[in-house]
C-alpha atoms as a PDB file:
ATOM      1  CA  VAL A   1      10.761   5.992 -10.444  1.00  0.00           C
ATOM      2  CA  SER A   2      11.014   4.118  -7.143  1.00  0.00           C
ATOM      3  CA  ASN A   3       9.254   0.768  -7.461  1.00  0.00           C
ATOM      4  CA  ALA A   4      11.127  -1.714  -5.249  1.00  0.00           C
ATOM      5  CA  GLY A   5       8.933  -3.471  -2.721  1.00  0.00           C
ATOM      6  CA  VAL A   6       8.294  -6.649  -0.770  1.00  0.00           C
ATOM      7  CA  GLY A   7       5.078  -7.780   0.896  1.00  0.00           C
ATOM      8  CA  MET A   8       4.080  -9.313   4.197  1.00  0.00           C
ATOM      9  CA  ALA A   9       0.693 -10.518   5.401  1.00  0.00           C
ATOM     10  CA  GLY A  10      -0.365 -12.487   8.450  1.00  0.00           C
ATOM     11  CA  PRO A  11      -0.739 -12.342  12.221  1.00  0.00           C
ATOM     12  CA  LEU A  12       1.819 -10.013  13.801  1.00  0.00           C
ATOM     13  CA  GLU A  13       3.000 -12.664  16.269  1.00  0.00           C
ATOM     14  CA  CYS A  14       4.028 -14.909  13.374  1.00  0.00           C
ATOM     15  CA  GLN A  15       6.338 -12.360  11.729  1.00  0.00           C
ATOM     16  CA  SER A  16       9.983 -12.209  12.754  1.00  0.00           C
ATOM     17  CA  LEU A  17      11.615  -8.886  13.542  1.00  0.00           C
ATOM     18  CA  ALA A  18      14.304  -9.694  10.970  1.00  0.00           C
ATOM     19  CA  ALA A  19      11.662 -10.069   8.247  1.00  0.00           C
ATOM     20  CA  MET A  20       9.999  -6.826   9.340  1.00  0.00           C
ATOM     21  CA  GLN A  21      13.323  -4.978   9.221  1.00  0.00           C
ATOM     22  CA  ASN A  22      14.081  -6.408   5.784  1.00  0.00           C
ATOM     23  CA  LEU A  23      10.713  -5.183   4.517  1.00  0.00           C
ATOM     24  CA  MET A  24      11.261  -1.683   5.908  1.00  0.00           C
ATOM     25  CA  ASP A  25      14.790  -1.622   4.488  1.00  0.00           C
ATOM     26  CA  THR A  26      13.422  -2.317   1.007  1.00  0.00           C
ATOM     27  CA  ASN A  27      10.085  -0.495   0.988  1.00  0.00           C
ATOM     28  CA  PHE A  28      11.082   2.609   2.936  1.00  0.00           C
ATOM     29  CA  PHE A  29      14.856   2.948   3.198  1.00  0.00           C
ATOM     30  CA  GLY A  30      15.256   1.820  -0.424  1.00  0.00           C
ATOM     31  CA  LEU A  31      13.282   4.910  -1.390  1.00  0.00           C
ATOM     32  CA  VAL A  32      15.254   7.107   1.022  1.00  0.00           C
ATOM     33  CA  ARG A  33      18.574   5.919  -0.435  1.00  0.00           C
ATOM     34  CA  LEU A  34      17.368   6.605  -3.983  1.00  0.00           C
ATOM     35  CA  VAL A  35      16.116  10.110  -3.146  1.00  0.00           C
ATOM     36  CA  LYS A  36      19.363  10.962  -1.345  1.00  0.00           C
ATOM     37  CA  GLU A  37      21.218  10.085  -4.557  1.00  0.00           C
ATOM     38  CA  VAL A  38      19.082  11.967  -7.080  1.00  0.00           C
ATOM     39  CA  LEU A  39      17.740  14.969  -5.140  1.00  0.00           C
ATOM     40  CA  PRO A  40      20.961  17.020  -4.818  1.00  0.00           C
ATOM     41  CA  ASP A  41      21.490  17.131  -8.599  1.00  0.00           C
ATOM     42  CA  MET A  42      17.822  17.910  -9.214  1.00  0.00           C
ATOM     43  CA  LYS A  43      18.063  20.797  -6.742  1.00  0.00           C
ATOM     44  CA  ARG A  44      21.215  22.117  -8.411  1.00  0.00           C
ATOM     45  CA  ARG A  45      19.593  22.216 -11.847  1.00  0.00           C
ATOM     46  CA  ARG A  46      16.232  23.224 -10.351  1.00  0.00           C
ATOM     47  CA  GLY A  47      14.254  20.574 -12.122  1.00  0.00           C
ATOM     48  CA  GLY A  48      13.239  16.964 -11.743  1.00  0.00           C
ATOM     49  CA  HIS A  49      10.423  14.564 -10.980  1.00  0.00           C
ATOM     50  CA  ILE A  50      10.518  11.735  -8.439  1.00  0.00           C
ATOM     51  CA  VAL A  51       7.736   9.178  -8.913  1.00  0.00           C
ATOM     52  CA  VAL A  52       7.115   6.774  -6.043  1.00  0.00           C
ATOM     53  CA  ILE A  53       4.993   3.642  -6.291  1.00  0.00           C
ATOM     54  CA  SER A  54       3.182   3.715  -2.972  1.00  0.00           C
ATOM     55  CA  SER A  55      -0.078   1.912  -2.143  1.00  0.00           C
ATOM     56  CA  ILE A  56      -3.616   2.551  -1.026  1.00  0.00           C
ATOM     57  CA  MET A  57      -2.324   0.895   2.158  1.00  0.00           C
ATOM     58  CA  GLY A  58      -0.217   3.980   2.717  1.00  0.00           C
ATOM     59  CA  LEU A  59      -3.494   5.858   3.243  1.00  0.00           C
ATOM     60  CA  GLN A  60      -5.501   3.219   5.097  1.00  0.00           C
ATOM     61  CA  GLY A  61      -4.222   0.285   7.133  1.00  0.00           C
ATOM     62  CA  ILE A  62      -5.664  -3.102   6.197  1.00  0.00           C
ATOM     63  CA  VAL A  63      -6.134  -5.956   8.662  1.00  0.00           C
ATOM     64  CA  PHE A  64      -3.232  -8.460   8.718  1.00  0.00           C
ATOM     65  CA  ASN A  65      -1.044  -6.107   6.646  1.00  0.00           C
ATOM     66  CA  ASP A  66       0.350  -4.277   9.676  1.00  0.00           C
ATOM     67  CA  ILE A  67       4.013  -4.081   8.681  1.00  0.00           C
ATOM     68  CA  TYR A  68       3.450  -3.596   4.961  1.00  0.00           C
ATOM     69  CA  SER A  69       0.999  -0.787   5.690  1.00  0.00           C
ATOM     70  CA  ALA A  70       3.473   0.733   8.140  1.00  0.00           C
ATOM     71  CA  SER A  71       6.145   0.819   5.426  1.00  0.00           C
ATOM     72  CA  LYS A  72       3.801   2.547   2.989  1.00  0.00           C
ATOM     73  CA  PHE A  73       2.650   5.014   5.654  1.00  0.00           C
ATOM     74  CA  ALA A  74       6.350   5.800   6.151  1.00  0.00           C
ATOM     75  CA  VAL A  75       6.738   6.350   2.406  1.00  0.00           C
ATOM     76  CA  GLU A  76       3.732   8.683   2.357  1.00  0.00           C
ATOM     77  CA  GLY A  77       4.921  10.668   5.377  1.00  0.00           C
ATOM     78  CA  PHE A  78       8.446  10.955   3.995  1.00  0.00           C
ATOM     79  CA  CYS A  79       7.229  12.277   0.644  1.00  0.00           C
ATOM     80  CA  GLU A  80       4.600  14.554   2.168  1.00  0.00           C
ATOM     81  CA  SER A  81       7.297  16.156   4.308  1.00  0.00           C
ATOM     82  CA  LEU A  82       9.822  16.409   1.464  1.00  0.00           C
ATOM     83  CA  VAL A  83       7.537  17.730  -1.269  1.00  0.00           C
ATOM     84  CA  VAL A  84       7.303  21.255   0.163  1.00  0.00           C
ATOM     85  CA  GLN A  85      11.087  21.679   0.152  1.00  0.00           C
ATOM     86  CA  ALA A  86      11.354  20.021  -3.274  1.00  0.00           C
ATOM     87  CA  LEU A  87       8.863  22.439  -4.824  1.00  0.00           C
ATOM     88  CA  ARG A  88      11.125  25.321  -3.797  1.00  0.00           C
ATOM     89  CA  PHE A  89      13.676  23.855  -6.243  1.00  0.00           C
ATOM     90  CA  ASN A  90      11.112  23.065  -8.972  1.00  0.00           C
ATOM     91  CA  VAL A  91      11.318  19.343  -8.208  1.00  0.00           C
ATOM     92  CA  ALA A  92       8.036  17.427  -8.327  1.00  0.00           C
ATOM     93  CA  ILE A  93       7.247  14.385  -6.189  1.00  0.00           C
ATOM     94  CA  SER A  94       4.362  12.079  -7.119  1.00  0.00           C
ATOM     95  CA  LEU A  95       2.923   9.160  -5.193  1.00  0.00           C
ATOM     96  CA  VAL A  96       1.178   6.541  -7.346  1.00  0.00           C
ATOM     97  CA  GLU A  97      -1.213   4.628  -5.075  1.00  0.00           C
ATOM     98  CA  PRO A  98      -2.506   1.342  -6.525  1.00  0.00           C
ATOM     99  CA  GLY A  99      -4.940  -0.988  -4.846  1.00  0.00           C
ATOM    100  CA  PRO A 100      -4.582  -4.715  -5.574  1.00  0.00           C
ATOM    101  CA  VAL A 101      -2.457  -5.558  -8.621  1.00  0.00           C
ATOM    102  CA  MET A 102      -2.485  -9.024 -10.151  1.00  0.00           C
ATOM    103  CA  THR A 103       1.170 -10.075 -10.328  1.00  0.00           C
ATOM    104  CA  GLU A 104       3.433 -12.901  -9.186  1.00  0.00           C
ATOM    105  CA  PHE A 105       4.217 -10.653  -6.190  1.00  0.00           C
ATOM    106  CA  GLU A 106       0.743 -11.307  -4.753  1.00  0.00           C
ATOM    107  CA  THR A 107       0.605 -14.942  -5.873  1.00  0.00           C
ATOM    108  CA  LYS A 108       3.833 -15.692  -4.025  1.00  0.00           C
ATOM    109  CA  LEU A 109       2.647 -13.774  -0.956  1.00  0.00           C
ATOM    110  CA  TYR A 110      -0.540 -15.831  -0.665  1.00  0.00           C
ATOM    111  CA  GLU A 111       1.218 -19.127  -1.365  1.00  0.00           C
ATOM    112  CA  GLU A 112       3.599 -18.371   1.504  1.00  0.00           C
ATOM    113  CA  ALA A 113       0.711 -17.339   3.758  1.00  0.00           C
ATOM    114  CA  GLU A 114      -1.198 -20.570   3.116  1.00  0.00           C
ATOM    115  CA  ARG A 115       1.702 -22.798   4.164  1.00  0.00           C
ATOM    116  CA  ALA A 116       3.025 -20.650   7.022  1.00  0.00           C
ATOM    117  CA  ASP A 117       3.286 -21.764  10.646  1.00  0.00           C
ATOM    118  CA  TYR A 118       0.652 -20.074  12.805  1.00  0.00           C
ATOM    119  CA  SER A 119       1.526 -21.802  16.057  1.00  0.00           C
ATOM    120  CA  ARG A 120       2.899 -18.554  17.494  1.00  0.00           C
ATOM    121  CA  THR A 121      -0.533 -16.945  17.529  1.00  0.00           C
ATOM    122  CA  ASP A 122      -3.787 -18.036  19.150  1.00  0.00           C
ATOM    123  CA  PRO A 123      -6.126 -20.422  17.286  1.00  0.00           C
ATOM    124  CA  GLU A 124      -8.853 -17.795  16.859  1.00  0.00           C
ATOM    125  CA  THR A 125      -6.512 -15.315  15.151  1.00  0.00           C
ATOM    126  CA  ALA A 126      -5.072 -18.076  12.941  1.00  0.00           C
ATOM    127  CA  GLU A 127      -8.570 -19.082  11.875  1.00  0.00           C
ATOM    128  CA  ILE A 128      -9.610 -15.480  11.147  1.00  0.00           C
ATOM    129  CA  PHE A 129      -6.569 -15.070   8.919  1.00  0.00           C
ATOM    130  CA  THR A 130      -6.756 -18.391   7.061  1.00  0.00           C
ATOM    131  CA  LYS A 131     -10.537 -18.744   6.814  1.00  0.00           C
ATOM    132  CA  LEU A 132     -11.717 -15.131   6.504  1.00  0.00           C
ATOM    133  CA  TYR A 133      -8.857 -12.934   5.357  1.00  0.00           C
ATOM    134  CA  LEU A 134      -7.223 -15.139   2.715  1.00  0.00           C
ATOM    135  CA  ARG A 135     -10.557 -16.082   1.165  1.00  0.00           C
ATOM    136  CA  SER A 136     -11.892 -12.522   1.061  1.00  0.00           C
ATOM    137  CA  SER A 137      -8.566 -11.175  -0.166  1.00  0.00           C
ATOM    138  CA  LYS A 138      -8.592 -13.501  -3.164  1.00  0.00           C
ATOM    139  CA  ASP A 139     -12.077 -12.263  -4.053  1.00  0.00           C
ATOM    140  CA  VAL A 140     -10.850  -8.664  -3.779  1.00  0.00           C
ATOM    141  CA  PHE A 141      -7.977  -9.351  -6.175  1.00  0.00           C
ATOM    142  CA  THR A 142     -10.207 -11.207  -8.613  1.00  0.00           C
ATOM    143  CA  SER A 143     -12.851  -8.476  -8.722  1.00  0.00           C
ATOM    144  CA  LEU A 144     -10.922  -5.244  -8.122  1.00  0.00           C
ATOM    145  CA  GLY A 145      -7.359  -6.122  -9.132  1.00  0.00           C
ATOM    146  CA  GLN A 146      -5.590  -4.174 -11.865  1.00  0.00           C
ATOM    147  CA  THR A 147      -2.994  -5.448 -14.323  1.00  0.00           C
ATOM    148  CA  PRO A 148       0.645  -4.302 -14.197  1.00  0.00           C
ATOM    149  CA  GLU A 149       0.076  -2.730 -17.622  1.00  0.00           C
ATOM    150  CA  ASP A 150      -2.753  -0.632 -16.201  1.00  0.00           C
ATOM    151  CA  ILE A 151      -0.534   0.634 -13.369  1.00  0.00           C
ATOM    152  CA  ALA A 152       2.196   1.395 -15.928  1.00  0.00           C
ATOM    153  CA  GLU A 153      -0.285   3.494 -17.938  1.00  0.00           C
ATOM    154  CA  HIS A 154      -1.298   5.421 -14.826  1.00  0.00           C
ATOM    155  CA  THR A 155       2.356   5.981 -13.947  1.00  0.00           C
ATOM    156  CA  LEU A 156       3.136   7.192 -17.463  1.00  0.00           C
ATOM    157  CA  ARG A 157       0.291   9.723 -17.262  1.00  0.00           C
ATOM    158  CA  VAL A 158       1.720  11.014 -13.972  1.00  0.00           C
ATOM    159  CA  ILE A 159       5.217  11.281 -15.499  1.00  0.00           C
ATOM    160  CA  GLU A 160       3.952  13.132 -18.563  1.00  0.00           C
ATOM    161  CA  ALA A 161       1.594  15.490 -16.709  1.00  0.00           C
ATOM    162  CA  ALA A 162       2.302  19.195 -17.248  1.00  0.00           C
ATOM    163  CA  ARG A 163       1.630  19.732 -13.541  1.00  0.00           C
ATOM    164  CA  PRO A 164       2.348  16.375 -11.857  1.00  0.00           C
ATOM    165  CA  PRO A 165      -0.060  15.510  -9.039  1.00  0.00           C
ATOM    166  CA  PHE A 166       1.335  14.783  -5.587  1.00  0.00           C
ATOM    167  CA  ARG A 167      -1.033  11.823  -5.134  1.00  0.00           C
ATOM    168  CA  HIS A 168      -2.623   9.675  -7.829  1.00  0.00           C
ATOM    169  CA  GLN A 169      -4.892   6.744  -6.956  1.00  0.00           C
ATOM    170  CA  THR A 170      -5.174   4.209  -9.757  1.00  0.00           C
ATOM    171  CA  ASN A 171      -8.372   2.438  -8.635  1.00  0.00           C
ATOM    172  CA  VAL A 172     -11.572   4.453  -8.163  1.00  0.00           C
ATOM    173  CA  ALA A 173     -13.069   1.630  -6.087  1.00  0.00           C
ATOM    174  CA  TYR A 174     -10.880   2.760  -3.191  1.00  0.00           C
ATOM    175  CA  THR A 175     -11.872   6.427  -3.286  1.00  0.00           C
ATOM    176  CA  PRO A 176     -14.767   5.937  -0.802  1.00  0.00           C
ATOM    177  CA  MET A 177     -12.378   4.270   1.658  1.00  0.00           C
ATOM    178  CA  ALA A 178     -10.065   7.272   1.612  1.00  0.00           C
ATOM    179  CA  ALA A 179     -13.045   9.610   1.883  1.00  0.00           C
ATOM    180  CA  LEU A 180     -14.391   7.783   4.969  1.00  0.00           C
ATOM    181  CA  LYS A 181     -11.124   8.334   6.775  1.00  0.00           C
ATOM    182  CA  HIS A 182     -11.128  12.066   6.086  1.00  0.00           C
ATOM    183  CA  ALA A 183     -14.829  12.385   6.903  1.00  0.00           C
ATOM    184  CA  ASP A 184     -14.244  11.420  10.537  1.00  0.00           C
ATOM    185  CA  PRO A 185     -10.915  12.574  12.051  1.00  0.00           C
ATOM    186  CA  SER A 186     -11.557  10.460  15.171  1.00  0.00           C
ATOM    187  CA  GLY A 187     -11.165   7.281  13.101  1.00  0.00           C
ATOM    188  CA  ALA A 188     -14.325   5.709  14.527  1.00  0.00           C
ATOM    189  CA  LEU A 189     -16.217   5.658  11.215  1.00  0.00           C
ATOM    190  CA  ILE A 190     -13.608   3.823   9.150  1.00  0.00           C
ATOM    191  CA  THR A 191     -12.685   1.456  11.998  1.00  0.00           C
ATOM    192  CA  ASP A 192     -16.313   0.483  12.573  1.00  0.00           C
ATOM    193  CA  ALA A 193     -16.901   0.031   8.839  1.00  0.00           C
ATOM    194  CA  PHE A 194     -13.915  -2.291   8.441  1.00  0.00           C
ATOM    195  CA  TYR A 195     -14.750  -4.241  11.604  1.00  0.00           C
ATOM    196  CA  LYS A 196     -18.252  -4.963  10.319  1.00  0.00           C
ATOM    197  CA  LEU A 197     -16.993  -5.921   6.856  1.00  0.00           C
ATOM    198  CA  VAL A 198     -14.509  -8.395   8.308  1.00  0.00           C
ATOM    199  CA  PHE A 199     -16.443  -9.882  11.218  1.00  0.00           C
ATOM    200  CA  LYS A 200     -20.158  -9.330  10.547  1.00  0.00           C
ATOM    201  CA  TYR A 201     -20.756  -8.998   6.838  1.00  0.00           C
ATOM    202  CA  ASP A 202     -17.873 -10.978   5.354  1.00  0.00           C
ATOM    203  CA  THR A 203     -20.277 -13.216   3.397  1.00  0.00           C
ATOM    204  CA  VAL A 204     -22.054 -10.180   1.963  1.00  0.00           C
ATOM    205  CA  LEU A 205     -18.675  -8.616   1.116  1.00  0.00           C
ATOM    206  CA  ARG A 206     -17.494 -11.693  -0.800  1.00  0.00           C
ATOM    207  CA  PHE A 207     -20.817 -12.070  -2.575  1.00  0.00           C
ATOM    208  CA  GLY A 208     -20.795  -8.399  -3.567  1.00  0.00           C
ATOM    209  CA  LEU A 209     -17.250  -8.646  -4.892  1.00  0.00           C
ATOM    210  CA  ARG A 210     -18.086 -11.705  -6.953  1.00  0.00           C
END
């Protein structure tokens, strides 16, 4: 089970390249290093199961989570490419894709975001992040967030499955979001929907979540 991860949220201009590289080294290359260690033996004995804790943000990018989403997209692409070869050796790969999970991980992330320096971005972007994003995000976690125990139960079911799924989403509230993306390959539908939720109907979104 590959579960190591760090988060990052905020305007792109305010994130250092060093911090971005550190995130990718943990979230993506940490997984790559683990798989490189365990896969050869699994292939030799023609059996094994690699379970990767991914994220719904590996399927759909979320505003102000550019680098974190990029790392999870990399995880998804890596596993999607590898799974076909792995199946030849009777090795299963499963991606567990949670939405928001209520842990100290998120608490720390938002505490850091609230006291960060936003002088490297324009005032409008800083205000969108601090006034719209942070407030709405807290409502999302309060209303849709799962407990770590719930994610552990989902992961256990994936591990114990007779035929392990390649992808397993833990939160049904995010199924429509994934469906929207597949419904329109041009990307216009999901982009327009998210734009309106963030910039036109943010009050309705927060009220609905509450």
